[in-house]
Amino acid sequence: MIGSSELILLFVFLVIITPIYFLPSILACEKCNYRTVLLLNIFLGWTIIGWVISLVWGLNTDKDPLRAYRSNTADCCPKVEAELIRLRDMFNTGAINKEDYHNQTRELIGNRI
């Protein structure tokens, strides 16, 4: 049978330790490389080096404007989403550089990201 001290320890683990363990993934939730940081955090986060790498990687990447727009806007405009997708595709193919991409997305949706 589980005693009260084991229940307290389990509670502390679930409420405090688990969010700290997943802190890199939580901080990277609106970033372009969220899935990669999450996978690194899950599989290598138990090592101190893996956790620190995922934390740094999650903090040092730019926000994905489309993901940030969808999560911060209650009523997403389909035209704005389509334009953001077009800009992202142009950036991924090299048609526009990073500075132009960020300038155009900020012009399109403002400083909400």
PDB file of N, CA and C in Angstrom:
ATOM      1  N   MET A   1       0.833  -1.177   0.000  1.00  0.00           N
ATOM      2  CA  MET A   1       0.000   0.000   0.000  1.00  0.00           C
ATOM      3  C   MET A   1       0.880   1.243   0.000  1.00  0.00           C
ATOM      4  N   ILE A   2       0.419   2.272  -0.647  1.00  0.00           N
ATOM      5  CA  ILE A   2       1.186   3.515  -0.766  1.00  0.00           C
ATOM      6  C   ILE A   2       0.919   4.384   0.452  1.00  0.00           C
ATOM      7  N   GLY A   3       2.016   4.818   1.075  1.00  0.00           N
ATOM      8  CA  GLY A   3       1.889   5.672   2.249  1.00  0.00           C
ATOM      9  C   GLY A   3       1.764   7.134   1.856  1.00  0.00           C
ATOM     10  N   SER A   4       1.541   7.969   2.855  1.00  0.00           N
ATOM     11  CA  SER A   4       1.356   9.393   2.584  1.00  0.00           C
ATOM     12  C   SER A   4       2.641  10.053   2.096  1.00  0.00           C
ATOM     13  N   SER A   5       3.797   9.587   2.563  1.00  0.00           N
ATOM     14  CA  SER A   5       5.054  10.177   2.109  1.00  0.00           C
ATOM     15  C   SER A   5       5.299   9.872   0.631  1.00  0.00           C
ATOM     16  N   GLU A   6       4.908   8.677   0.173  1.00  0.00           N
ATOM     17  CA  GLU A   6       5.050   8.343  -1.239  1.00  0.00           C
ATOM     18  C   GLU A   6       4.099   9.167  -2.099  1.00  0.00           C
ATOM     19  N   LEU A   7       2.897   9.407  -1.591  1.00  0.00           N
ATOM     20  CA  LEU A   7       1.945  10.239  -2.332  1.00  0.00           C
ATOM     21  C   LEU A   7       2.437  11.674  -2.447  1.00  0.00           C
ATOM     22  N   ILE A   8       3.022  12.203  -1.387  1.00  0.00           N
ATOM     23  CA  ILE A   8       3.570  13.564  -1.430  1.00  0.00           C
ATOM     24  C   ILE A   8       4.716  13.623  -2.426  1.00  0.00           C
ATOM     25  N   LEU A   9       5.572  12.637  -2.417  1.00  0.00           N
ATOM     26  CA  LEU A   9       6.690  12.586  -3.355  1.00  0.00           C
ATOM     27  C   LEU A   9       6.200  12.488  -4.797  1.00  0.00           C
ATOM     28  N   LEU A  10       5.192  11.685  -5.040  1.00  0.00           N
ATOM     29  CA  LEU A  10       4.603  11.564  -6.370  1.00  0.00           C
ATOM     30  C   LEU A  10       3.983  12.882  -6.811  1.00  0.00           C
ATOM     31  N   PHE A  11       3.283  13.541  -5.917  1.00  0.00           N
ATOM     32  CA  PHE A  11       2.676  14.839  -6.215  1.00  0.00           C
ATOM     33  C   PHE A  11       3.743  15.871  -6.571  1.00  0.00           C
ATOM     34  N   VAL A  12       4.808  15.924  -5.780  1.00  0.00           N
ATOM     35  CA  VAL A  12       5.900  16.861  -6.048  1.00  0.00           C
ATOM     36  C   VAL A  12       6.514  16.570  -7.411  1.00  0.00           C
ATOM     37  N   PHE A  13       6.704  15.304  -7.718  1.00  0.00           N
ATOM     38  CA  PHE A  13       7.281  14.924  -8.997  1.00  0.00           C
ATOM     39  C   PHE A  13       6.391  15.380 -10.146  1.00  0.00           C
ATOM     40  N   LEU A  14       5.109  15.109 -10.063  1.00  0.00           N
ATOM     41  CA  LEU A  14       4.201  15.433 -11.154  1.00  0.00           C
ATOM     42  C   LEU A  14       3.988  16.931 -11.320  1.00  0.00           C
ATOM     43  N   VAL A  15       3.904  17.655 -10.228  1.00  0.00           N
ATOM     44  CA  VAL A  15       3.569  19.070 -10.297  1.00  0.00           C
ATOM     45  C   VAL A  15       4.788  19.957 -10.514  1.00  0.00           C
ATOM     46  N   ILE A  16       5.934  19.594  -9.997  1.00  0.00           N
ATOM     47  CA  ILE A  16       7.106  20.468 -10.068  1.00  0.00           C
ATOM     48  C   ILE A  16       8.149  19.960 -11.059  1.00  0.00           C
ATOM     49  N   ILE A  17       8.528  18.721 -10.956  1.00  0.00           N
ATOM     50  CA  ILE A  17       9.630  18.201 -11.759  1.00  0.00           C
ATOM     51  C   ILE A  17       9.240  18.046 -13.230  1.00  0.00           C
ATOM     52  N   THR A  18       8.060  17.562 -13.519  1.00  0.00           N
ATOM     53  CA  THR A  18       7.651  17.346 -14.909  1.00  0.00           C
ATOM     54  C   THR A  18       7.628  18.639 -15.717  1.00  0.00           C
ATOM     55  N   PRO A  19       7.026  19.738 -15.233  1.00  0.00           N
ATOM     56  CA  PRO A  19       7.102  20.984 -16.013  1.00  0.00           C
ATOM     57  C   PRO A  19       8.530  21.503 -16.188  1.00  0.00           C
ATOM     58  N   ILE A  20       9.379  21.300 -15.203  1.00  0.00           N
ATOM     59  CA  ILE A  20      10.775  21.729 -15.347  1.00  0.00           C
ATOM     60  C   ILE A  20      11.457  20.885 -16.421  1.00  0.00           C
ATOM     61  N   TYR A  21      11.172  19.603 -16.432  1.00  0.00           N
ATOM     62  CA  TYR A  21      11.759  18.717 -17.440  1.00  0.00           C
ATOM     63  C   TYR A  21      11.346  19.142 -18.853  1.00  0.00           C
ATOM     64  N   PHE A  22      10.084  19.529 -19.022  1.00  0.00           N
ATOM     65  CA  PHE A  22       9.576  19.910 -20.334  1.00  0.00           C
ATOM     66  C   PHE A  22       9.646  21.414 -20.591  1.00  0.00           C
ATOM     67  N   LEU A  23      10.360  22.155 -19.778  1.00  0.00           N
ATOM     68  CA  LEU A  23      10.490  23.603 -19.958  1.00  0.00           C
ATOM     69  C   LEU A  23      11.003  23.982 -21.340  1.00  0.00           C
ATOM     70  N   PRO A  24      12.023  23.327 -21.904  1.00  0.00           N
ATOM     71  CA  PRO A  24      12.456  23.695 -23.258  1.00  0.00           C
ATOM     72  C   PRO A  24      11.345  23.545 -24.291  1.00  0.00           C
ATOM     73  N   SER A  25      10.557  22.509 -24.184  1.00  0.00           N
ATOM     74  CA  SER A  25       9.464  22.297 -25.128  1.00  0.00           C
ATOM     75  C   SER A  25       8.348  23.317 -24.925  1.00  0.00           C
ATOM     76  N   ILE A  26       8.082  23.671 -23.696  1.00  0.00           N
ATOM     77  CA  ILE A  26       7.058  24.666 -23.400  1.00  0.00           C
ATOM     78  C   ILE A  26       7.468  26.021 -23.958  1.00  0.00           C
ATOM     79  N   LEU A  27       8.737  26.384 -23.794  1.00  0.00           N
ATOM     80  CA  LEU A  27       9.211  27.674 -24.291  1.00  0.00           C
ATOM     81  C   LEU A  27       9.276  27.722 -25.815  1.00  0.00           C
ATOM     82  N   ALA A  28       9.408  26.576 -26.451  1.00  0.00           N
ATOM     83  CA  ALA A  28       9.527  26.526 -27.910  1.00  0.00           C
ATOM     84  C   ALA A  28       8.202  26.248 -28.606  1.00  0.00           C
ATOM     85  N   CYS A  29       7.094  26.335 -27.906  1.00  0.00           N
ATOM     86  CA  CYS A  29       5.817  25.902 -28.496  1.00  0.00           C
ATOM     87  C   CYS A  29       5.374  26.737 -29.692  1.00  0.00           C
ATOM     88  N   GLU A  30       5.795  27.989 -29.816  1.00  0.00           N
ATOM     89  CA  GLU A  30       5.428  28.802 -30.977  1.00  0.00           C
ATOM     90  C   GLU A  30       6.595  28.976 -31.945  1.00  0.00           C
ATOM     91  N   LYS A  31       7.636  28.224 -31.766  1.00  0.00           N
ATOM     92  CA  LYS A  31       8.821  28.368 -32.604  1.00  0.00           C
ATOM     93  C   LYS A  31       8.735  27.463 -33.826  1.00  0.00           C
ATOM     94  N   CYS A  32       9.591  27.747 -34.784  1.00  0.00           N
ATOM     95  CA  CYS A  32       9.598  26.977 -36.033  1.00  0.00           C
ATOM     96  C   CYS A  32      10.005  25.527 -35.826  1.00  0.00           C
ATOM     97  N   ASN A  33      10.845  25.266 -34.849  1.00  0.00           N
ATOM     98  CA  ASN A  33      11.382  23.921 -34.661  1.00  0.00           C
ATOM     99  C   ASN A  33      10.813  23.243 -33.420  1.00  0.00           C
ATOM    100  N   TYR A  34       9.558  23.476 -33.132  1.00  0.00           N
ATOM    101  CA  TYR A  34       8.938  22.941 -31.918  1.00  0.00           C
ATOM    102  C   TYR A  34       9.037  21.420 -31.835  1.00  0.00           C
ATOM    103  N   ARG A  35       8.721  20.738 -32.917  1.00  0.00           N
ATOM    104  CA  ARG A  35       8.725  19.266 -32.880  1.00  0.00           C
ATOM    105  C   ARG A  35      10.110  18.714 -32.619  1.00  0.00           C
ATOM    106  N   THR A  36      11.119  19.336 -33.211  1.00  0.00           N
ATOM    107  CA  THR A  36      12.488  18.869 -33.014  1.00  0.00           C
ATOM    108  C   THR A  36      12.928  19.060 -31.575  1.00  0.00           C
ATOM    109  N   VAL A  37      12.611  20.219 -31.010  1.00  0.00           N
ATOM    110  CA  VAL A  37      12.957  20.487 -29.609  1.00  0.00           C
ATOM    111  C   VAL A  37      12.206  19.525 -28.698  1.00  0.00           C
ATOM    112  N   LEU A  38      10.952  19.261 -28.999  1.00  0.00           N
ATOM    113  CA  LEU A  38      10.164  18.324 -28.189  1.00  0.00           C
ATOM    114  C   LEU A  38      10.767  16.915 -28.231  1.00  0.00           C
ATOM    115  N   LEU A  39      11.123  16.439 -29.410  1.00  0.00           N
ATOM    116  CA  LEU A  39      11.709  15.101 -29.518  1.00  0.00           C
ATOM    117  C   LEU A  39      13.061  15.026 -28.808  1.00  0.00           C
ATOM    118  N   LEU A  40      13.880  16.057 -28.969  1.00  0.00           N
ATOM    119  CA  LEU A  40      15.165  16.088 -28.273  1.00  0.00           C
ATOM    120  C   LEU A  40      14.946  16.102 -26.766  1.00  0.00           C
ATOM    121  N   ASN A  41      13.969  16.876 -26.333  1.00  0.00           N
ATOM    122  CA  ASN A  41      13.657  16.963 -24.913  1.00  0.00           C
ATOM    123  C   ASN A  41      13.152  15.634 -24.357  1.00  0.00           C
ATOM    124  N   ILE A  42      12.318  14.942 -25.110  1.00  0.00           N
ATOM    125  CA  ILE A  42      11.779  13.666 -24.649  1.00  0.00           C
ATOM    126  C   ILE A  42      12.872  12.599 -24.571  1.00  0.00           C
ATOM    127  N   PHE A  43      13.671  12.478 -25.643  1.00  0.00           N
ATOM    128  CA  PHE A  43      14.616  11.371 -25.719  1.00  0.00           C
ATOM    129  C   PHE A  43      15.959  11.639 -25.048  1.00  0.00           C
ATOM    130  N   LEU A  44      16.408  12.892 -25.029  1.00  0.00           N
ATOM    131  CA  LEU A  44      17.706  13.187 -24.429  1.00  0.00           C
ATOM    132  C   LEU A  44      17.628  14.172 -23.278  1.00  0.00           C
ATOM    133  N   GLY A  45      16.434  14.580 -22.912  1.00  0.00           N
ATOM    134  CA  GLY A  45      16.287  15.535 -21.826  1.00  0.00           C
ATOM    135  C   GLY A  45      16.698  14.982 -20.476  1.00  0.00           C
ATOM    136  N   TRP A  46      16.710  13.688 -20.328  1.00  0.00           N
ATOM    137  CA  TRP A  46      17.109  13.079 -19.054  1.00  0.00           C
ATOM    138  C   TRP A  46      18.586  13.276 -18.790  1.00  0.00           C
ATOM    139  N   THR A  47      19.370  13.525 -19.860  1.00  0.00           N
ATOM    140  CA  THR A  47      20.766  13.892 -19.650  1.00  0.00           C
ATOM    141  C   THR A  47      20.821  15.398 -19.494  1.00  0.00           C
ATOM    142  N   ILE A  48      21.673  15.865 -18.663  1.00  0.00           N
ATOM    143  CA  ILE A  48      21.771  17.318 -18.447  1.00  0.00           C
ATOM    144  C   ILE A  48      22.149  18.019 -19.741  1.00  0.00           C
ATOM    145  N   ILE A  49      23.066  17.436 -20.498  1.00  0.00           N
ATOM    146  CA  ILE A  49      23.504  18.057 -21.755  1.00  0.00           C
ATOM    147  C   ILE A  49      22.351  18.134 -22.753  1.00  0.00           C
ATOM    148  N   GLY A  50      21.577  17.079 -22.891  1.00  0.00           N
ATOM    149  CA  GLY A  50      20.431  17.088 -23.801  1.00  0.00           C
ATOM    150  C   GLY A  50      19.395  18.113 -23.409  1.00  0.00           C
ATOM    151  N   TRP A  51      19.154  18.254 -22.113  1.00  0.00           N
ATOM    152  CA  TRP A  51      18.183  19.230 -21.633  1.00  0.00           C
ATOM    153  C   TRP A  51      18.660  20.648 -21.916  1.00  0.00           C
ATOM    154  N   VAL A  52      19.930  20.919 -21.655  1.00  0.00           N
ATOM    155  CA  VAL A  52      20.479  22.264 -21.884  1.00  0.00           C
ATOM    156  C   VAL A  52      20.485  22.589 -23.373  1.00  0.00           C
ATOM    157  N   ILE A  53      20.852  21.625 -24.215  1.00  0.00           N
ATOM    158  CA  ILE A  53      20.850  21.858 -25.663  1.00  0.00           C
ATOM    159  C   ILE A  53      19.437  22.155 -26.150  1.00  0.00           C
ATOM    160  N   SER A  54      18.461  21.396 -25.696  1.00  0.00           N
ATOM    161  CA  SER A  54      17.084  21.650 -26.129  1.00  0.00           C
ATOM    162  C   SER A  54      16.576  22.985 -25.600  1.00  0.00           C
ATOM    163  N   LEU A  55      17.000  23.382 -24.409  1.00  0.00           N
ATOM    164  CA  LEU A  55      16.610  24.685 -23.868  1.00  0.00           C
ATOM    165  C   LEU A  55      17.195  25.818 -24.707  1.00  0.00           C
ATOM    166  N   VAL A  56      18.477  25.740 -24.994  1.00  0.00           N
ATOM    167  CA  VAL A  56      19.128  26.788 -25.793  1.00  0.00           C
ATOM    168  C   VAL A  56      18.545  26.828 -27.200  1.00  0.00           C
ATOM    169  N   TRP A  57      18.344  25.668 -27.785  1.00  0.00           N
ATOM    170  CA  TRP A  57      17.799  25.593 -29.131  1.00  0.00           C
ATOM    171  C   TRP A  57      16.371  26.149 -29.173  1.00  0.00           C
ATOM    172  N   GLY A  58      15.594  25.852 -28.175  1.00  0.00           N
ATOM    173  CA  GLY A  58      14.229  26.354 -28.126  1.00  0.00           C
ATOM    174  C   GLY A  58      14.148  27.854 -27.918  1.00  0.00           C
ATOM    175  N   LEU A  59      15.107  28.415 -27.220  1.00  0.00           N
ATOM    176  CA  LEU A  59      15.096  29.855 -26.966  1.00  0.00           C
ATOM    177  C   LEU A  59      15.688  30.674 -28.102  1.00  0.00           C
ATOM    178  N   ASN A  60      16.615  30.097 -28.863  1.00  0.00           N
ATOM    179  CA  ASN A  60      17.340  30.862 -29.867  1.00  0.00           C
ATOM    180  C   ASN A  60      16.758  30.805 -31.265  1.00  0.00           C
ATOM    181  N   THR A  61      15.610  30.231 -31.445  1.00  0.00           N
ATOM    182  CA  THR A  61      15.021  30.194 -32.779  1.00  0.00           C
ATOM    183  C   THR A  61      13.879  31.194 -32.864  1.00  0.00           C
ATOM    184  N   ASP A  62      13.576  31.576 -34.083  1.00  0.00           N
ATOM    185  CA  ASP A  62      12.527  32.559 -34.321  1.00  0.00           C
ATOM    186  C   ASP A  62      11.155  31.918 -34.216  1.00  0.00           C
ATOM    187  N   LYS A  63      10.192  32.740 -33.872  1.00  0.00           N
ATOM    188  CA  LYS A  63       8.817  32.259 -33.837  1.00  0.00           C
ATOM    189  C   LYS A  63       8.331  32.007 -35.247  1.00  0.00           C
ATOM    190  N   ASP A  64       7.485  31.013 -35.391  1.00  0.00           N
ATOM    191  CA  ASP A  64       6.828  30.755 -36.663  1.00  0.00           C
ATOM    192  C   ASP A  64       5.631  31.698 -36.736  1.00  0.00           C
ATOM    193  N   PRO A  65       5.646  32.661 -37.667  1.00  0.00           N
ATOM    194  CA  PRO A  65       4.556  33.646 -37.714  1.00  0.00           C
ATOM    195  C   PRO A  65       3.186  33.025 -37.894  1.00  0.00           C
ATOM    196  N   LEU A  66       3.091  31.972 -38.696  1.00  0.00           N
ATOM    197  CA  LEU A  66       1.786  31.335 -38.926  1.00  0.00           C
ATOM    198  C   LEU A  66       1.266  30.690 -37.651  1.00  0.00           C
ATOM    199  N   ARG A  67       2.124  29.952 -36.948  1.00  0.00           N
ATOM    200  CA  ARG A  67       1.706  29.310 -35.696  1.00  0.00           C
ATOM    201  C   ARG A  67       1.349  30.359 -34.644  1.00  0.00           C
ATOM    202  N   ALA A  68       2.150  31.422 -34.565  1.00  0.00           N
ATOM    203  CA  ALA A  68       1.867  32.475 -33.595  1.00  0.00           C
ATOM    204  C   ALA A  68       0.564  33.190 -33.932  1.00  0.00           C
ATOM    205  N   TYR A  69       0.312  33.408 -35.205  1.00  0.00           N
ATOM    206  CA  TYR A  69      -0.934  34.069 -35.619  1.00  0.00           C
ATOM    207  C   TYR A  69      -2.141  33.214 -35.259  1.00  0.00           C
ATOM    208  N   ARG A  70      -2.035  31.917 -35.527  1.00  0.00           N
ATOM    209  CA  ARG A  70      -3.163  31.030 -35.222  1.00  0.00           C
ATOM    210  C   ARG A  70      -3.435  30.944 -33.726  1.00  0.00           C
ATOM    211  N   SER A  71      -2.395  30.927 -32.911  1.00  0.00           N
ATOM    212  CA  SER A  71      -2.602  30.765 -31.475  1.00  0.00           C
ATOM    213  C   SER A  71      -2.981  32.066 -30.779  1.00  0.00           C
ATOM    214  N   ASN A  72      -2.610  33.207 -31.346  1.00  0.00           N
ATOM    215  CA  ASN A  72      -2.886  34.493 -30.697  1.00  0.00           C
ATOM    216  C   ASN A  72      -4.111  35.198 -31.247  1.00  0.00           C
ATOM    217  N   THR A  73      -4.713  34.673 -32.286  1.00  0.00           N
ATOM    218  CA  THR A  73      -5.868  35.313 -32.905  1.00  0.00           C
ATOM    219  C   THR A  73      -7.058  34.380 -32.807  1.00  0.00           C
ATOM    220  N   ALA A  74      -8.121  34.860 -32.196  1.00  0.00           N
ATOM    221  CA  ALA A  74      -9.304  34.020 -32.008  1.00  0.00           C
ATOM    222  C   ALA A  74      -9.996  33.732 -33.342  1.00  0.00           C
ATOM    223  N   ASP A  75     -10.075  34.733 -34.196  1.00  0.00           N
ATOM    224  CA  ASP A  75     -10.746  34.554 -35.485  1.00  0.00           C
ATOM    225  C   ASP A  75      -9.731  34.761 -36.611  1.00  0.00           C
ATOM    226  N   CYS A  76      -9.070  33.676 -36.982  1.00  0.00           N
ATOM    227  CA  CYS A  76      -8.047  33.744 -38.025  1.00  0.00           C
ATOM    228  C   CYS A  76      -8.689  34.069 -39.364  1.00  0.00           C
ATOM    229  N   CYS A  77      -8.069  34.975 -40.059  1.00  0.00           N
ATOM    230  CA  CYS A  77      -8.542  35.358 -41.385  1.00  0.00           C
ATOM    231  C   CYS A  77      -7.906  34.422 -42.412  1.00  0.00           C
ATOM    232  N   PRO A  78      -8.711  33.756 -43.234  1.00  0.00           N
ATOM    233  CA  PRO A  78      -8.143  32.820 -44.221  1.00  0.00           C
ATOM    234  C   PRO A  78      -7.192  33.490 -45.216  1.00  0.00           C
ATOM    235  N   LYS A  79      -7.470  34.753 -45.549  1.00  0.00           N
ATOM    236  CA  LYS A  79      -6.588  35.456 -46.490  1.00  0.00           C
ATOM    237  C   LYS A  79      -5.222  35.705 -45.870  1.00  0.00           C
ATOM    238  N   VAL A  80      -5.209  36.069 -44.597  1.00  0.00           N
ATOM    239  CA  VAL A  80      -3.937  36.306 -43.910  1.00  0.00           C
ATOM    240  C   VAL A  80      -3.173  34.996 -43.774  1.00  0.00           C
ATOM    241  N   GLU A  81      -3.873  33.928 -43.425  1.00  0.00           N
ATOM    242  CA  GLU A  81      -3.221  32.619 -43.320  1.00  0.00           C
ATOM    243  C   GLU A  81      -2.636  32.191 -44.646  1.00  0.00           C
ATOM    244  N   ALA A  82      -3.373  32.386 -45.728  1.00  0.00           N
ATOM    245  CA  ALA A  82      -2.882  32.001 -47.053  1.00  0.00           C
ATOM    246  C   ALA A  82      -1.639  32.808 -47.415  1.00  0.00           C
ATOM    247  N   GLU A  83      -1.639  34.091 -47.093  1.00  0.00           N
ATOM    248  CA  GLU A  83      -0.478  34.936 -47.385  1.00  0.00           C
ATOM    249  C   GLU A  83       0.723  34.520 -46.535  1.00  0.00           C
ATOM    250  N   LEU A  84       0.493  34.179 -45.271  1.00  0.00           N
ATOM    251  CA  LEU A  84       1.582  33.700 -44.419  1.00  0.00           C
ATOM    252  C   LEU A  84       2.163  32.390 -44.935  1.00  0.00           C
ATOM    253  N   ILE A  85       1.312  31.509 -45.404  1.00  0.00           N
ATOM    254  CA  ILE A  85       1.780  30.239 -45.971  1.00  0.00           C
ATOM    255  C   ILE A  85       2.587  30.495 -47.238  1.00  0.00           C
ATOM    256  N   ARG A  86       2.116  31.435 -48.066  1.00  0.00           N
ATOM    257  CA  ARG A  86       2.847  31.772 -49.292  1.00  0.00           C
ATOM    258  C   ARG A  86       4.221  32.346 -48.956  1.00  0.00           C
ATOM    259  N   LEU A  87       4.277  33.251 -47.978  1.00  0.00           N
ATOM    260  CA  LEU A  87       5.557  33.832 -47.574  1.00  0.00           C
ATOM    261  C   LEU A  87       6.491  32.766 -47.003  1.00  0.00           C
ATOM    262  N   ARG A  88       5.953  31.855 -46.191  1.00  0.00           N
ATOM    263  CA  ARG A  88       6.777  30.793 -45.623  1.00  0.00           C
ATOM    264  C   ARG A  88       7.342  29.892 -46.713  1.00  0.00           C
ATOM    265  N   ASP A  89       6.515  29.560 -47.708  1.00  0.00           N
ATOM    266  CA  ASP A  89       6.985  28.730 -48.806  1.00  0.00           C
ATOM    267  C   ASP A  89       8.062  29.441 -49.617  1.00  0.00           C
ATOM    268  N   MET A  90       7.881  30.747 -49.831  1.00  0.00           N
ATOM    269  CA  MET A  90       8.895  31.518 -50.562  1.00  0.00           C
ATOM    270  C   MET A  90      10.210  31.553 -49.782  1.00  0.00           C
ATOM    271  N   PHE A  91      10.112  31.683 -48.464  1.00  0.00           N
ATOM    272  CA  PHE A  91      11.321  31.697 -47.635  1.00  0.00           C
ATOM    273  C   PHE A  91      12.010  30.333 -47.647  1.00  0.00           C
ATOM    274  N   ASN A  92      11.224  29.268 -47.541  1.00  0.00           N
ATOM    275  CA  ASN A  92      11.804  27.916 -47.526  1.00  0.00           C
ATOM    276  C   ASN A  92      12.468  27.552 -48.850  1.00  0.00           C
ATOM    277  N   THR A  93      11.961  28.089 -49.956  1.00  0.00           N
ATOM    278  CA  THR A  93      12.568  27.790 -51.259  1.00  0.00           C
ATOM    279  C   THR A  93      13.703  28.744 -51.594  1.00  0.00           C
ATOM    280  N   GLY A  94      13.902  29.770 -50.779  1.00  0.00           N
ATOM    281  CA  GLY A  94      14.999  30.708 -51.014  1.00  0.00           C
ATOM    282  C   GLY A  94      14.633  31.884 -51.887  1.00  0.00           C
ATOM    283  N   ALA A  95      13.353  32.055 -52.197  1.00  0.00           N
ATOM    284  CA  ALA A  95      12.935  33.168 -53.044  1.00  0.00           C
ATOM    285  C   ALA A  95      13.077  34.510 -52.325  1.00  0.00           C
ATOM    286  N   ILE A  96      12.923  34.516 -50.995  1.00  0.00           N
ATOM    287  CA  ILE A  96      13.145  35.730 -50.202  1.00  0.00           C
ATOM    288  C   ILE A  96      14.072  35.377 -49.045  1.00  0.00           C
ATOM    289  N   ASN A  97      14.806  36.384 -48.584  1.00  0.00           N
ATOM    290  CA  ASN A  97      15.730  36.128 -47.472  1.00  0.00           C
ATOM    291  C   ASN A  97      15.007  36.287 -46.128  1.00  0.00           C
ATOM    292  N   LYS A  98      15.724  35.998 -45.056  1.00  0.00           N
ATOM    293  CA  LYS A  98      15.132  35.991 -43.719  1.00  0.00           C
ATOM    294  C   LYS A  98      14.629  37.375 -43.319  1.00  0.00           C
ATOM    295  N   GLU A  99      15.389  38.398 -43.623  1.00  0.00           N
ATOM    296  CA  GLU A  99      14.984  39.761 -43.249  1.00  0.00           C
ATOM    297  C   GLU A  99      13.708  40.174 -43.969  1.00  0.00           C
ATOM    298  N   ASP A 100      13.632  39.890 -45.284  1.00  0.00           N
ATOM    299  CA  ASP A 100      12.418  40.213 -46.039  1.00  0.00           C
ATOM    300  C   ASP A 100      11.221  39.420 -45.521  1.00  0.00           C
ATOM    301  N   TYR A 101      11.458  38.160 -45.196  1.00  0.00           N
ATOM    302  CA  TYR A 101      10.388  37.309 -44.670  1.00  0.00           C
ATOM    303  C   TYR A 101       9.819  37.895 -43.382  1.00  0.00           C
ATOM    304  N   HIS A 102      10.696  38.262 -42.457  1.00  0.00           N
ATOM    305  CA  HIS A 102      10.219  38.814 -41.191  1.00  0.00           C
ATOM    306  C   HIS A 102       9.569  40.181 -41.376  1.00  0.00           C
ATOM    307  N   ASN A 103      10.120  41.001 -42.238  1.00  0.00           N
ATOM    308  CA  ASN A 103       9.517  42.319 -42.488  1.00  0.00           C
ATOM    309  C   ASN A 103       8.122  42.184 -43.082  1.00  0.00           C
ATOM    310  N   GLN A 104       7.965  41.289 -44.043  1.00  0.00           N
ATOM    311  CA  GLN A 104       6.662  41.130 -44.685  1.00  0.00           C
ATOM    312  C   GLN A 104       5.630  40.498 -43.747  1.00  0.00           C
ATOM    313  N   THR A 105       6.055  39.546 -42.921  1.00  0.00           N
ATOM    314  CA  THR A 105       5.089  38.954 -41.983  1.00  0.00           C
ATOM    315  C   THR A 105       4.688  39.963 -40.913  1.00  0.00           C
ATOM    316  N   ARG A 106       5.638  40.770 -40.448  1.00  0.00           N
ATOM    317  CA  ARG A 106       5.282  41.802 -39.461  1.00  0.00           C
ATOM    318  C   ARG A 106       4.358  42.857 -40.077  1.00  0.00           C
ATOM    319  N   GLU A 107       4.598  43.191 -41.327  1.00  0.00           N
ATOM    320  CA  GLU A 107       3.731  44.140 -42.012  1.00  0.00           C
ATOM    321  C   GLU A 107       2.326  43.576 -42.171  1.00  0.00           C
ATOM    322  N   LEU A 108       2.261  42.271 -42.422  1.00  0.00           N
ATOM    323  CA  LEU A 108       0.983  41.626 -42.649  1.00  0.00           C
ATOM    324  C   LEU A 108       0.152  41.482 -41.375  1.00  0.00           C
ATOM    325  N   ILE A 109       0.783  41.058 -40.296  1.00  0.00           N
ATOM    326  CA  ILE A 109       0.018  40.811 -39.065  1.00  0.00           C
ATOM    327  C   ILE A 109       0.392  41.716 -37.917  1.00  0.00           C
ATOM    328  N   GLY A 110       1.286  42.637 -38.125  1.00  0.00           N
ATOM    329  CA  GLY A 110       1.661  43.576 -37.059  1.00  0.00           C
ATOM    330  C   GLY A 110       2.600  42.940 -36.070  1.00  0.00           C
ATOM    331  N   ASN A 111       2.634  43.471 -34.886  1.00  0.00           N
ATOM    332  CA  ASN A 111       3.551  42.983 -33.844  1.00  0.00           C
ATOM    333  C   ASN A 111       2.869  42.002 -32.898  1.00  0.00           C
ATOM    334  N   ARG A 112       1.884  41.272 -33.378  1.00  0.00           N
ATOM    335  CA  ARG A 112       1.186  40.301 -32.542  1.00  0.00           C
ATOM    336  C   ARG A 112       1.975  39.023 -32.356  1.00  0.00           C
ATOM    337  N   ILE A 113       3.076  38.868 -33.075  1.00  0.00           N
ATOM    338  CA  ILE A 113       3.857  37.637 -32.948  1.00  0.00           C
ATOM    339  C   ILE A 113       5.083  37.879 -32.116  1.00  0.00           C
TER     340      ILE A 113
END
